[in-house]
Amino acid sequence: MPALSRSLAVAGAVLGLAFVGSTAHASPLPLPPVGHSCGPNRVVTDNHTCSGINKSCTGYDMMIIGRVDHTGHCVFPGINGTTW
């Protein structure tokens, strides 16, 4: 019985070290702020993707027609410099 409990303790320790090691390397890079330029005529959007200004988008309320404005938000066409 002591051999079984020792092997379980060793297995638990190995799994614990593996988990700690994997989470230490999993820290993501900081995300750029919404509206930050990510290329010519492109901005970081609300959902942290790089999209062209005045490109079609869907907002969090799932509006069907929307455009990416210069601040990275999905707005109705014609607002904040967007066009139809």
N, C-alpha and C. Protein backbone atom coordinates (compact mmCIF):
# COMPACT_ATOMS: atom_id res chain seq x y z
N MET A 1 0.80 -1.19 0.00
CA MET A 1 0.00 0.00 0.00
C MET A 1 0.86 1.27 0.00
N PRO A 2 1.99 1.32 0.74
CA PRO A 2 2.80 2.53 0.71
C PRO A 2 3.36 2.82 -0.68
N ALA A 3 3.66 1.78 -1.47
CA ALA A 3 4.18 2.00 -2.82
C ALA A 3 3.12 2.66 -3.69
N LEU A 4 1.86 2.23 -3.52
CA LEU A 4 0.78 2.80 -4.31
C LEU A 4 0.57 4.26 -3.94
N SER A 5 0.56 4.58 -2.67
CA SER A 5 0.34 5.97 -2.27
C SER A 5 1.54 6.83 -2.67
N ARG A 6 2.75 6.28 -2.66
CA ARG A 6 3.93 7.03 -3.08
C ARG A 6 3.85 7.33 -4.58
N SER A 7 3.41 6.35 -5.37
CA SER A 7 3.32 6.57 -6.82
C SER A 7 2.22 7.59 -7.15
N LEU A 8 1.13 7.56 -6.37
CA LEU A 8 0.08 8.55 -6.58
C LEU A 8 0.57 9.95 -6.21
N ALA A 9 1.35 10.05 -5.15
CA ALA A 9 1.90 11.34 -4.75
C ALA A 9 2.86 11.88 -5.81
N VAL A 10 3.70 11.00 -6.35
CA VAL A 10 4.65 11.41 -7.40
C VAL A 10 3.88 11.83 -8.65
N ALA A 11 2.85 11.07 -9.03
CA ALA A 11 2.07 11.41 -10.21
C ALA A 11 1.37 12.76 -10.02
N GLY A 12 0.84 12.99 -8.83
CA GLY A 12 0.19 14.27 -8.54
C GLY A 12 1.16 15.43 -8.60
N ALA A 13 2.37 15.22 -8.09
CA ALA A 13 3.38 16.27 -8.13
C ALA A 13 3.79 16.59 -9.56
N VAL A 14 3.96 15.56 -10.38
CA VAL A 14 4.34 15.76 -11.78
C VAL A 14 3.24 16.52 -12.52
N LEU A 15 1.99 16.13 -12.31
CA LEU A 15 0.90 16.84 -12.96
C LEU A 15 0.81 18.28 -12.48
N GLY A 16 1.03 18.51 -11.21
CA GLY A 16 1.01 19.86 -10.67
C GLY A 16 2.09 20.73 -11.28
N LEU A 17 3.29 20.20 -11.41
CA LEU A 17 4.38 20.95 -12.03
C LEU A 17 4.12 21.21 -13.51
N ALA A 18 3.54 20.23 -14.20
CA ALA A 18 3.23 20.42 -15.61
C ALA A 18 2.19 21.51 -15.78
N PHE A 19 1.18 21.55 -14.91
CA PHE A 19 0.14 22.57 -14.99
C PHE A 19 0.72 23.96 -14.72
N VAL A 20 1.54 24.08 -13.71
CA VAL A 20 2.14 25.38 -13.37
C VAL A 20 3.04 25.85 -14.50
N GLY A 21 3.81 24.96 -15.08
CA GLY A 21 4.69 25.34 -16.17
C GLY A 21 3.93 25.78 -17.41
N SER A 22 2.83 25.11 -17.70
CA SER A 22 2.08 25.47 -18.90
C SER A 22 1.33 26.79 -18.73
N THR A 23 0.87 27.09 -17.55
CA THR A 23 0.16 28.36 -17.36
C THR A 23 1.14 29.52 -17.27
N ALA A 24 2.36 29.27 -16.87
CA ALA A 24 3.33 30.36 -16.80
C ALA A 24 3.69 30.86 -18.20
N HIS A 25 3.66 29.99 -19.19
CA HIS A 25 4.01 30.39 -20.55
C HIS A 25 2.79 30.83 -21.35
N ALA A 26 1.61 30.77 -20.80
CA ALA A 26 0.40 31.07 -21.55
C ALA A 26 -0.05 32.52 -21.43
N SER A 27 0.77 33.40 -20.88
CA SER A 27 0.34 34.79 -20.74
C SER A 27 0.31 35.46 -22.12
N PRO A 28 -0.86 35.96 -22.54
CA PRO A 28 -0.97 36.57 -23.86
C PRO A 28 -0.33 37.96 -23.88
N LEU A 29 -0.02 38.41 -25.07
CA LEU A 29 0.50 39.77 -25.22
C LEU A 29 -0.62 40.76 -24.93
N PRO A 30 -0.30 41.92 -24.43
CA PRO A 30 -1.36 42.90 -24.18
C PRO A 30 -2.02 43.31 -25.50
N LEU A 31 -3.33 43.43 -25.48
CA LEU A 31 -4.06 43.81 -26.68
C LEU A 31 -3.97 45.31 -26.89
N PRO A 32 -3.82 45.75 -28.15
CA PRO A 32 -3.81 47.20 -28.39
C PRO A 32 -5.20 47.76 -28.12
N PRO A 33 -5.28 49.03 -27.80
CA PRO A 33 -6.59 49.61 -27.49
C PRO A 33 -7.47 49.71 -28.73
N VAL A 34 -8.77 49.69 -28.49
CA VAL A 34 -9.73 49.84 -29.58
C VAL A 34 -9.52 51.20 -30.24
N GLY A 35 -9.52 51.23 -31.57
CA GLY A 35 -9.31 52.46 -32.31
C GLY A 35 -7.86 52.71 -32.67
N HIS A 36 -6.94 51.87 -32.16
CA HIS A 36 -5.52 52.01 -32.46
C HIS A 36 -5.27 51.60 -33.91
N SER A 37 -4.45 52.33 -34.60
CA SER A 37 -4.15 52.02 -35.99
C SER A 37 -3.38 50.70 -36.09
N CYS A 38 -3.78 49.85 -37.05
CA CYS A 38 -3.07 48.59 -37.26
C CYS A 38 -2.69 48.43 -38.73
N GLY A 39 -2.61 49.52 -39.44
CA GLY A 39 -2.25 49.52 -40.86
C GLY A 39 -2.87 50.72 -41.54
N PRO A 40 -2.55 50.90 -42.81
CA PRO A 40 -3.14 52.04 -43.52
C PRO A 40 -4.67 51.90 -43.62
N ASN A 41 -5.38 52.90 -43.13
CA ASN A 41 -6.85 52.91 -43.13
C ASN A 41 -7.44 51.71 -42.42
N ARG A 42 -6.77 51.21 -41.39
CA ARG A 42 -7.25 50.07 -40.61
C ARG A 42 -7.14 50.40 -39.13
N VAL A 43 -8.09 49.89 -38.33
CA VAL A 43 -8.10 50.13 -36.89
C VAL A 43 -8.43 48.84 -36.15
N VAL A 44 -8.07 48.82 -34.86
CA VAL A 44 -8.45 47.71 -33.99
C VAL A 44 -9.91 47.92 -33.60
N THR A 45 -10.74 46.89 -33.78
CA THR A 45 -12.17 47.02 -33.54
C THR A 45 -12.53 46.59 -32.12
N ASP A 46 -13.82 46.72 -31.80
CA ASP A 46 -14.34 46.34 -30.49
C ASP A 46 -14.04 44.88 -30.14
N ASN A 47 -14.02 44.01 -31.15
CA ASN A 47 -13.76 42.59 -30.87
C ASN A 47 -12.28 42.25 -31.09
N HIS A 48 -11.42 43.27 -31.04
CA HIS A 48 -9.96 43.12 -31.08
C HIS A 48 -9.47 42.43 -32.35
N THR A 49 -10.05 42.81 -33.48
CA THR A 49 -9.55 42.39 -34.79
C THR A 49 -9.14 43.64 -35.54
N CYS A 50 -8.32 43.47 -36.54
CA CYS A 50 -7.88 44.60 -37.36
C CYS A 50 -8.77 44.64 -38.60
N SER A 51 -9.47 45.75 -38.78
CA SER A 51 -10.40 45.86 -39.90
C SER A 51 -10.25 47.22 -40.56
N GLY A 52 -10.58 47.28 -41.84
CA GLY A 52 -10.52 48.53 -42.58
C GLY A 52 -11.62 49.49 -42.15
N ILE A 53 -11.30 50.77 -42.17
CA ILE A 53 -12.30 51.79 -41.85
C ILE A 53 -13.36 51.76 -42.95
N ASN A 54 -14.63 51.84 -42.56
CA ASN A 54 -15.79 51.84 -43.44
C ASN A 54 -16.11 50.45 -44.00
N LYS A 55 -15.51 49.40 -43.45
CA LYS A 55 -15.84 48.03 -43.86
C LYS A 55 -17.11 47.58 -43.16
N SER A 56 -17.81 46.64 -43.76
CA SER A 56 -19.04 46.10 -43.15
C SER A 56 -18.70 45.39 -41.84
N CYS A 57 -19.61 45.48 -40.88
CA CYS A 57 -19.42 44.83 -39.60
C CYS A 57 -20.78 44.55 -38.97
N THR A 58 -20.76 43.72 -37.94
CA THR A 58 -21.97 43.52 -37.13
C THR A 58 -21.63 43.91 -35.71
N GLY A 59 -22.51 44.65 -35.07
CA GLY A 59 -22.28 45.09 -33.71
C GLY A 59 -22.62 44.00 -32.71
N TYR A 60 -22.41 44.29 -31.44
CA TYR A 60 -22.74 43.33 -30.40
C TYR A 60 -24.24 43.06 -30.35
N ASP A 61 -25.04 44.03 -30.82
CA ASP A 61 -26.48 43.80 -30.87
C ASP A 61 -26.88 43.09 -32.16
N MET A 62 -25.90 42.64 -32.92
CA MET A 62 -26.06 41.89 -34.16
C MET A 62 -26.84 42.67 -35.22
N MET A 63 -26.62 44.00 -35.28
CA MET A 63 -27.25 44.77 -36.35
C MET A 63 -26.76 44.22 -37.68
N ILE A 64 -27.61 44.21 -38.65
CA ILE A 64 -27.27 43.61 -39.94
C ILE A 64 -26.34 44.50 -40.74
N ILE A 65 -26.64 45.79 -40.76
CA ILE A 65 -25.81 46.71 -41.54
C ILE A 65 -25.04 47.60 -40.58
N GLY A 66 -23.74 47.58 -40.68
CA GLY A 66 -22.90 48.44 -39.87
C GLY A 66 -21.61 48.72 -40.59
N ARG A 67 -20.91 49.74 -40.16
CA ARG A 67 -19.61 50.12 -40.73
C ARG A 67 -18.63 50.39 -39.60
N VAL A 68 -17.37 50.03 -39.80
CA VAL A 68 -16.32 50.32 -38.83
C VAL A 68 -15.93 51.79 -38.97
N ASP A 69 -16.04 52.55 -37.87
CA ASP A 69 -15.64 53.95 -37.92
C ASP A 69 -14.18 54.10 -37.49
N HIS A 70 -13.68 55.32 -37.49
CA HIS A 70 -12.27 55.57 -37.20
C HIS A 70 -11.89 55.30 -35.75
N THR A 71 -12.89 55.11 -34.88
CA THR A 71 -12.60 54.78 -33.48
C THR A 71 -12.65 53.28 -33.22
N GLY A 72 -12.94 52.47 -34.26
CA GLY A 72 -12.96 51.02 -34.11
C GLY A 72 -14.31 50.46 -33.71
N HIS A 73 -15.34 51.30 -33.65
CA HIS A 73 -16.67 50.84 -33.26
C HIS A 73 -17.52 50.56 -34.50
N CYS A 74 -18.44 49.64 -34.37
CA CYS A 74 -19.38 49.32 -35.44
C CYS A 74 -20.57 50.26 -35.28
N VAL A 75 -20.78 51.11 -36.29
CA VAL A 75 -21.84 52.11 -36.21
C VAL A 75 -22.76 52.00 -37.43
N PHE A 76 -23.90 52.67 -37.37
CA PHE A 76 -24.78 52.73 -38.52
C PHE A 76 -24.09 53.50 -39.63
N PRO A 77 -24.27 53.09 -40.89
CA PRO A 77 -23.64 53.82 -42.00
C PRO A 77 -24.05 55.29 -42.00
N GLY A 78 -23.09 56.16 -42.28
CA GLY A 78 -23.33 57.59 -42.30
C GLY A 78 -22.93 58.29 -41.01
N ILE A 79 -22.53 57.52 -39.98
CA ILE A 79 -22.13 58.11 -38.70
C ILE A 79 -20.60 58.06 -38.58
N ASN A 80 -20.03 59.10 -37.99
CA ASN A 80 -18.58 59.18 -37.73
C ASN A 80 -17.73 58.99 -38.97
N GLY A 81 -18.16 59.58 -40.06
CA GLY A 81 -17.37 59.55 -41.30
C GLY A 81 -17.55 58.31 -42.15
N THR A 82 -18.46 57.43 -41.78
CA THR A 82 -18.71 56.24 -42.62
C THR A 82 -19.71 56.58 -43.71
N THR A 83 -19.77 55.73 -44.72
CA THR A 83 -20.68 55.96 -45.84
C THR A 83 -21.52 54.71 -46.06
N TRP A 84 -22.54 54.86 -46.87
CA TRP A 84 -23.37 53.72 -47.24
C TRP A 84 -22.60 52.93 -48.25
